[in-house]
PDB file of N, CA and C in Angstrom:
ATOM      1  N   MET A   1     103.442 100.990  88.949  1.00  0.00           N
ATOM      2  CA  MET A   1     104.360 100.153  88.200  1.00  0.00           C
ATOM      3  C   MET A   1     103.564  99.016  87.561  1.00  0.00           C
ATOM      4  N   LEU A   2     103.900  98.700  86.356  1.00  0.00           N
ATOM      5  CA  LEU A   2     103.224  97.627  85.632  1.00  0.00           C
ATOM      6  C   LEU A   2     103.695  96.265  86.125  1.00  0.00           C
ATOM      7  N   PRO A   3     102.773  95.293  86.228  1.00  0.00           N
ATOM      8  CA  PRO A   3     103.186  93.960  86.676  1.00  0.00           C
ATOM      9  C   PRO A   3     104.282  93.340  85.816  1.00  0.00           C
ATOM     10  N   CYS A   4     104.224  93.541  84.504  1.00  0.00           N
ATOM     11  CA  CYS A   4     105.238  92.962  83.624  1.00  0.00           C
ATOM     12  C   CYS A   4     106.612  93.593  83.903  1.00  0.00           C
ATOM     13  N   GLN A   5     106.611  94.896  84.156  1.00  0.00           N
ATOM     14  CA  GLN A   5     107.855  95.589  84.472  1.00  0.00           C
ATOM     15  C   GLN A   5     108.443  95.046  85.781  1.00  0.00           C
ATOM     16  N   SER A   6     107.578  94.796  86.759  1.00  0.00           N
ATOM     17  CA  SER A   6     108.046  94.225  88.029  1.00  0.00           C
ATOM     18  C   SER A   6     108.663  92.856  87.819  1.00  0.00           C
ATOM     19  N   ARG A   7     108.068  92.065  86.913  1.00  0.00           N
ATOM     20  CA  ARG A   7     108.622  90.741  86.619  1.00  0.00           C
ATOM     21  C   ARG A   7     110.046  90.872  86.083  1.00  0.00           C
ATOM     22  N   PHE A   8     110.240  91.790  85.149  1.00  0.00           N
ATOM     23  CA  PHE A   8     111.574  91.988  84.583  1.00  0.00           C
ATOM     24  C   PHE A   8     112.566  92.409  85.662  1.00  0.00           C
ATOM     25  N   GLN A   9     112.158  93.343  86.484  1.00  0.00           N
ATOM     26  CA  GLN A   9     113.057  93.863  87.511  1.00  0.00           C
ATOM     27  C   GLN A   9     113.440  92.791  88.526  1.00  0.00           C
ATOM     28  N   MET A  10     112.471  91.960  88.921  1.00  0.00           N
ATOM     29  CA  MET A  10     112.794  90.883  89.861  1.00  0.00           C
ATOM     30  C   MET A  10     113.749  89.881  89.227  1.00  0.00           C
ATOM     31  N   SER A  11     113.506  89.544  87.981  1.00  0.00           N
ATOM     32  CA  SER A  11     114.354  88.586  87.284  1.00  0.00           C
ATOM     33  C   SER A  11     115.771  89.119  87.099  1.00  0.00           C
ATOM     34  N   VAL A  12     115.888  90.345  86.639  1.00  0.00           N
ATOM     35  CA  VAL A  12     117.211  90.934  86.387  1.00  0.00           C
ATOM     36  C   VAL A  12     117.990  91.111  87.689  1.00  0.00           C
ATOM     37  N   SER A  13     117.320  91.526  88.750  1.00  0.00           N
ATOM     38  CA  SER A  13     118.025  91.697  90.025  1.00  0.00           C
ATOM     39  C   SER A  13     118.533  90.359  90.549  1.00  0.00           C
ATOM     40  N   GLU A  14     117.780  89.285  90.319  1.00  0.00           N
ATOM     41  CA  GLU A  14     118.226  87.947  90.718  1.00  0.00           C
ATOM     42  C   GLU A  14     119.432  87.525  89.893  1.00  0.00           C
ATOM     43  N   VAL A  15     119.380  87.762  88.578  1.00  0.00           N
ATOM     44  CA  VAL A  15     120.506  87.417  87.699  1.00  0.00           C
ATOM     45  C   VAL A  15     121.750  88.207  88.100  1.00  0.00           C
ATOM     46  N   ALA A  16     121.563  89.468  88.450  1.00  0.00           N
ATOM     47  CA  ALA A  16     122.689  90.322  88.826  1.00  0.00           C
ATOM     48  C   ALA A  16     123.280  89.925  90.178  1.00  0.00           C
ATOM     49  N   GLY A  17     122.457  89.288  91.022  1.00  0.00           N
ATOM     50  CA  GLY A  17     122.962  88.855  92.320  1.00  0.00           C
ATOM     51  C   GLY A  17     123.071  89.970  93.340  1.00  0.00           C
ATOM     52  N   CYS A  18     122.336  91.039  93.130  1.00  0.00           N
ATOM     53  CA  CYS A  18     122.382  92.178  94.042  1.00  0.00           C
ATOM     54  C   CYS A  18     121.279  92.027  95.089  1.00  0.00           C
ATOM     55  N   ASP A  19     121.673  91.770  96.340  1.00  0.00           N
ATOM     56  CA  ASP A  19     120.688  91.563  97.403  1.00  0.00           C
ATOM     57  C   ASP A  19     119.797  92.778  97.610  1.00  0.00           C
ATOM     58  N   TYR A  20     120.387  93.970  97.508  1.00  0.00           N
ATOM     59  CA  TYR A  20     119.597  95.199  97.675  1.00  0.00           C
ATOM     60  C   TYR A  20     118.530  95.291  96.584  1.00  0.00           C
ATOM     61  N   CYS A  21     118.915  95.031  95.339  1.00  0.00           N
ATOM     62  CA  CYS A  21     117.962  95.101  94.221  1.00  0.00           C
ATOM     63  C   CYS A  21     116.883  94.035  94.347  1.00  0.00           C
ATOM     64  N   VAL A  22     117.269  92.823  94.748  1.00  0.00           N
ATOM     65  CA  VAL A  22     116.293  91.753  94.931  1.00  0.00           C
ATOM     66  C   VAL A  22     115.266  92.181  95.971  1.00  0.00           C
ATOM     67  N   ALA A  23     115.741  92.730  97.099  1.00  0.00           N
ATOM     68  CA  ALA A  23     114.823  93.157  98.160  1.00  0.00           C
ATOM     69  C   ALA A  23     113.911  94.284  97.692  1.00  0.00           C
ATOM     70  N   ALA A  24     114.483  95.268  97.016  1.00  0.00           N
ATOM     71  CA  ALA A  24     113.691  96.418  96.564  1.00  0.00           C
ATOM     72  C   ALA A  24     112.649  96.012  95.531  1.00  0.00           C
ATOM     73  N   HIS A  25     113.033  95.184  94.580  1.00  0.00           N
ATOM     74  CA  HIS A  25     112.094  94.793  93.527  1.00  0.00           C
ATOM     75  C   HIS A  25     111.077  93.759  94.021  1.00  0.00           C
ATOM     76  N   THR A  26     111.447  92.986  95.031  1.00  0.00           N
ATOM     77  CA  THR A  26     110.479  92.088  95.647  1.00  0.00           C
ATOM     78  C   THR A  26     109.413  92.897  96.374  1.00  0.00           C
ATOM     79  N   LEU A  27     109.814  93.946  97.060  1.00  0.00           N
ATOM     80  CA  LEU A  27     108.859  94.831  97.722  1.00  0.00           C
ATOM     81  C   LEU A  27     107.947  95.491  96.695  1.00  0.00           C
ATOM     82  N   ALA A  28     108.507  95.914  95.568  1.00  0.00           N
ATOM     83  CA  ALA A  28     107.701  96.514  94.500  1.00  0.00           C
ATOM     84  C   ALA A  28     106.755  95.476  93.900  1.00  0.00           C
ATOM     85  N   GLY A  29     107.215  94.237  93.786  1.00  0.00           N
ATOM     86  CA  GLY A  29     106.359  93.166  93.283  1.00  0.00           C
ATOM     87  C   GLY A  29     105.191  92.909  94.212  1.00  0.00           C
ATOM     88  N   LYS A  30     105.448  92.976  95.502  1.00  0.00           N
ATOM     89  CA  LYS A  30     104.373  92.820  96.484  1.00  0.00           C
ATOM     90  C   LYS A  30     103.344  93.927  96.313  1.00  0.00           C
ATOM     91  N   ALA A  31     103.830  95.157  96.116  1.00  0.00           N
ATOM     92  CA  ALA A  31     102.922  96.291  95.906  1.00  0.00           C
ATOM     93  C   ALA A  31     102.142  96.153  94.603  1.00  0.00           C
ATOM     94  N   ALA A  32     102.731  95.463  93.619  1.00  0.00           N
ATOM     95  CA  ALA A  32     102.059  95.250  92.328  1.00  0.00           C
ATOM     96  C   ALA A  32     101.057  94.100  92.391  1.00  0.00           C
ATOM     97  N   GLY A  33     101.007  93.393  93.542  1.00  0.00           N
ATOM     98  CA  GLY A  33     100.011  92.355  93.722  1.00  0.00           C
ATOM     99  C   GLY A  33     100.495  90.927  93.565  1.00  0.00           C
ATOM    100  N   PHE A  34     101.792  90.715  93.455  1.00  0.00           N
ATOM    101  CA  PHE A  34     102.313  89.358  93.333  1.00  0.00           C
ATOM    102  C   PHE A  34     102.300  88.662  94.688  1.00  0.00           C
ATOM    103  N   THR A  35     102.060  87.355  94.673  1.00  0.00           N
ATOM    104  CA  THR A  35     102.119  86.561  95.890  1.00  0.00           C
ATOM    105  C   THR A  35     103.576  86.213  96.177  1.00  0.00           C
ATOM    106  N   PRO A  36     103.898  85.878  97.428  1.00  0.00           N
ATOM    107  CA  PRO A  36     105.272  85.458  97.725  1.00  0.00           C
ATOM    108  C   PRO A  36     105.718  84.273  96.863  1.00  0.00           C
ATOM    109  N   GLU A  37     104.816  83.304  96.659  1.00  0.00           N
ATOM    110  CA  GLU A  37     105.156  82.149  95.830  1.00  0.00           C
ATOM    111  C   GLU A  37     105.395  82.568  94.371  1.00  0.00           C
ATOM    112  N   GLY A  38     104.573  83.470  93.867  1.00  0.00           N
ATOM    113  CA  GLY A  38     104.743  83.964  92.510  1.00  0.00           C
ATOM    114  C   GLY A  38     106.060  84.685  92.318  1.00  0.00           C
ATOM    115  N   MET A  39     106.460  85.456  93.332  1.00  0.00           N
ATOM    116  CA  MET A  39     107.736  86.176  93.234  1.00  0.00           C
ATOM    117  C   MET A  39     108.910  85.211  93.269  1.00  0.00           C
ATOM    118  N   LYS A  40     108.811  84.155  94.065  1.00  0.00           N
ATOM    119  CA  LYS A  40     109.874  83.140  94.089  1.00  0.00           C
ATOM    120  C   LYS A  40     109.999  82.467  92.726  1.00  0.00           C
ATOM    121  N   GLN A  41     108.853  82.185  92.110  1.00  0.00           N
ATOM    122  CA  GLN A  41     108.866  81.553  90.783  1.00  0.00           C
ATOM    123  C   GLN A  41     109.519  82.472  89.754  1.00  0.00           C
ATOM    124  N   ILE A  42     109.178  83.751  89.788  1.00  0.00           N
ATOM    125  CA  ILE A  42     109.753  84.701  88.839  1.00  0.00           C
ATOM    126  C   ILE A  42     111.257  84.799  89.022  1.00  0.00           C
ATOM    127  N   ARG A  43     111.712  84.954  90.270  1.00  0.00           N
ATOM    128  CA  ARG A  43     113.148  85.080  90.524  1.00  0.00           C
ATOM    129  C   ARG A  43     113.901  83.813  90.143  1.00  0.00           C
ATOM    130  N   ALA A  44     113.269  82.657  90.308  1.00  0.00           N
ATOM    131  CA  ALA A  44     113.921  81.384  89.973  1.00  0.00           C
ATOM    132  C   ALA A  44     113.845  81.074  88.486  1.00  0.00           C
ATOM    133  N   GLY A  45     113.016  81.810  87.747  1.00  0.00           N
ATOM    134  CA  GLY A  45     112.853  81.543  86.325  1.00  0.00           C
ATOM    135  C   GLY A  45     111.901  80.400  86.047  1.00  0.00           C
ATOM    136  N   ASP A  46     111.100  80.028  87.040  1.00  0.00           N
ATOM    137  CA  ASP A  46     110.134  78.942  86.874  1.00  0.00           C
ATOM    138  C   ASP A  46     108.876  79.448  86.173  1.00  0.00           C
ATOM    139  N   ALA A  47     108.127  78.521  85.622  1.00  0.00           N
ATOM    140  CA  ALA A  47     106.868  78.868  84.964  1.00  0.00           C
ATOM    141  C   ALA A  47     105.864  79.381  85.996  1.00  0.00           C
ATOM    142  N   THR A  48     105.150  80.434  85.626  1.00  0.00           N
ATOM    143  CA  THR A  48     104.159  81.024  86.530  1.00  0.00           C
ATOM    144  C   THR A  48     102.735  80.790  86.046  1.00  0.00           C
ATOM    145  N   GLY A  49     102.587  80.188  84.876  1.00  0.00           N
ATOM    146  CA  GLY A  49     101.259  79.951  84.330  1.00  0.00           C
ATOM    147  C   GLY A  49     100.863  80.941  83.251  1.00  0.00           C
ATOM    148  N   ASP A  50     101.673  81.961  83.041  1.00  0.00           N
ATOM    149  CA  ASP A  50     101.426  82.945  81.991  1.00  0.00           C
ATOM    150  C   ASP A  50     102.552  82.785  80.965  1.00  0.00           C
ATOM    151  N   ALA A  51     102.315  81.958  79.957  1.00  0.00           N
ATOM    152  CA  ALA A  51     103.371  81.562  79.024  1.00  0.00           C
ATOM    153  C   ALA A  51     104.037  82.739  78.314  1.00  0.00           C
ATOM    154  N   LYS A  52     103.250  83.718  77.887  1.00  0.00           N
ATOM    155  CA  LYS A  52     103.827  84.862  77.165  1.00  0.00           C
ATOM    156  C   LYS A  52     104.748  85.678  78.068  1.00  0.00           C
ATOM    157  N   ARG A  53     104.274  85.960  79.278  1.00  0.00           N
ATOM    158  CA  ARG A  53     105.111  86.748  80.197  1.00  0.00           C
ATOM    159  C   ARG A  53     106.314  85.943  80.678  1.00  0.00           C
ATOM    160  N   ASP A  54     106.133  84.654  80.898  1.00  0.00           N
ATOM    161  CA  ASP A  54     107.267  83.813  81.278  1.00  0.00           C
ATOM    162  C   ASP A  54     108.343  83.842  80.196  1.00  0.00           C
ATOM    163  N   ALA A  55     107.925  83.775  78.926  1.00  0.00           N
ATOM    164  CA  ALA A  55     108.876  83.814  77.814  1.00  0.00           C
ATOM    165  C   ALA A  55     109.607  85.148  77.759  1.00  0.00           C
ATOM    166  N   LEU A  56     108.885  86.237  77.981  1.00  0.00           N
ATOM    167  CA  LEU A  56     109.519  87.560  77.985  1.00  0.00           C
ATOM    168  C   LEU A  56     110.534  87.688  79.116  1.00  0.00           C
ATOM    169  N   VAL A  57     110.150  87.241  80.300  1.00  0.00           N
ATOM    170  CA  VAL A  57     111.066  87.310  81.445  1.00  0.00           C
ATOM    171  C   VAL A  57     112.298  86.457  81.180  1.00  0.00           C
ATOM    172  N   HIS A  58     112.101  85.275  80.604  1.00  0.00           N
ATOM    173  CA  HIS A  58     113.228  84.404  80.278  1.00  0.00           C
ATOM    174  C   HIS A  58     114.165  85.080  79.277  1.00  0.00           C
ATOM    175  N   CYS A  59     113.605  85.704  78.254  1.00  0.00           N
ATOM    176  CA  CYS A  59     114.428  86.409  77.254  1.00  0.00           C
ATOM    177  C   CYS A  59     115.222  87.546  77.880  1.00  0.00           C
ATOM    178  N   VAL A  60     114.583  88.316  78.748  1.00  0.00           N
ATOM    179  CA  VAL A  60     115.273  89.427  79.411  1.00  0.00           C
ATOM    180  C   VAL A  60     116.407  88.900  80.285  1.00  0.00           C
ATOM    181  N   ALA A  61     116.143  87.837  81.046  1.00  0.00           N
ATOM    182  CA  ALA A  61     117.185  87.272  81.906  1.00  0.00           C
ATOM    183  C   ALA A  61     118.353  86.749  81.073  1.00  0.00           C
ATOM    184  N   CYS A  62     118.062  86.055  79.977  1.00  0.00           N
ATOM    185  CA  CYS A  62     119.130  85.549  79.097  1.00  0.00           C
ATOM    186  C   CYS A  62     119.932  86.688  78.484  1.00  0.00           C
ATOM    187  N   TRP A  63     119.246  87.732  78.078  1.00  0.00           N
ATOM    188  CA  TRP A  63     119.933  88.893  77.511  1.00  0.00           C
ATOM    189  C   TRP A  63     120.875  89.502  78.540  1.00  0.00           C
ATOM    190  N   CYS A  64     120.415  89.607  79.775  1.00  0.00           N
ATOM    191  CA  CYS A  64     121.255  90.182  80.834  1.00  0.00           C
ATOM    192  C   CYS A  64     122.495  89.336  81.084  1.00  0.00           C
ATOM    193  N   VAL A  65     122.318  88.027  81.096  1.00  0.00           N
ATOM    194  CA  VAL A  65     123.447  87.132  81.335  1.00  0.00           C
ATOM    195  C   VAL A  65     124.472  87.272  80.216  1.00  0.00           C
ATOM    196  N   ARG A  66     124.005  87.406  78.987  1.00  0.00           N
ATOM    197  CA  ARG A  66     124.915  87.430  77.837  1.00  0.00           C
ATOM    198  C   ARG A  66     125.561  88.785  77.588  1.00  0.00           C
ATOM    199  N   THR A  67     124.896  89.868  77.951  1.00  0.00           N
ATOM    200  CA  THR A  67     125.410  91.175  77.558  1.00  0.00           C
ATOM    201  C   THR A  67     125.908  92.041  78.708  1.00  0.00           C
ATOM    202  N   ALA A  68     125.440  91.793  79.901  1.00  0.00           N
ATOM    203  CA  ALA A  68     125.765  92.684  81.015  1.00  0.00           C
ATOM    204  C   ALA A  68     127.136  92.370  81.596  1.00  0.00           C
ATOM    205  N   ARG A  69     127.709  93.378  82.160  1.00  0.00           N
ATOM    206  CA  ARG A  69     128.976  93.247  82.867  1.00  0.00           C
ATOM    207  C   ARG A  69     128.714  93.586  84.331  1.00  0.00           C
ATOM    208  N   TRP A  70     128.376  92.570  85.115  1.00  0.00           N
ATOM    209  CA  TRP A  70     128.058  92.807  86.514  1.00  0.00           C
ATOM    210  C   TRP A  70     129.349  92.944  87.302  1.00  0.00           C
ATOM    211  N   PRO A  71     129.392  93.869  88.247  1.00  0.00           N
ATOM    212  CA  PRO A  71     130.608  93.999  89.064  1.00  0.00           C
ATOM    213  C   PRO A  71     130.811  92.751  89.925  1.00  0.00           C
ATOM    214  N   LYS A  72     132.055  92.388  90.099  1.00  0.00           N
ATOM    215  CA  LYS A  72     132.388  91.230  90.938  1.00  0.00           C
ATOM    216  C   LYS A  72     132.185  91.604  92.411  1.00  0.00           C
ATOM    217  N   PRO A  73     131.607  90.696  93.227  1.00  0.00           N
ATOM    218  CA  PRO A  73     131.490  90.986  94.654  1.00  0.00           C
ATOM    219  C   PRO A  73     132.863  91.093  95.287  1.00  0.00           C
ATOM    220  N   ARG A  74     132.973  91.936  96.278  1.00  0.00           N
ATOM    221  CA  ARG A  74     134.267  92.123  96.950  1.00  0.00           C
ATOM    222  C   ARG A  74     134.428  91.175  98.084  1.00  0.00           C
TER     223      ARG A  74
END
């Protein structure tokens, strides 16, 4: 899995609020070489020091918030 793809998946799973997805994509992020602190930054939408990738992750998260229809928790 590509590191950039893992960033998107961690961000989107956090936006979606799915605990299972957050756990699964965090595990994949660990396998891709991210540090625990780096994964927290990605999920929180904080700057990670890579401006281009941070901007892409931010755009993907914003797109998900604006266009997705997440199921309501029961």
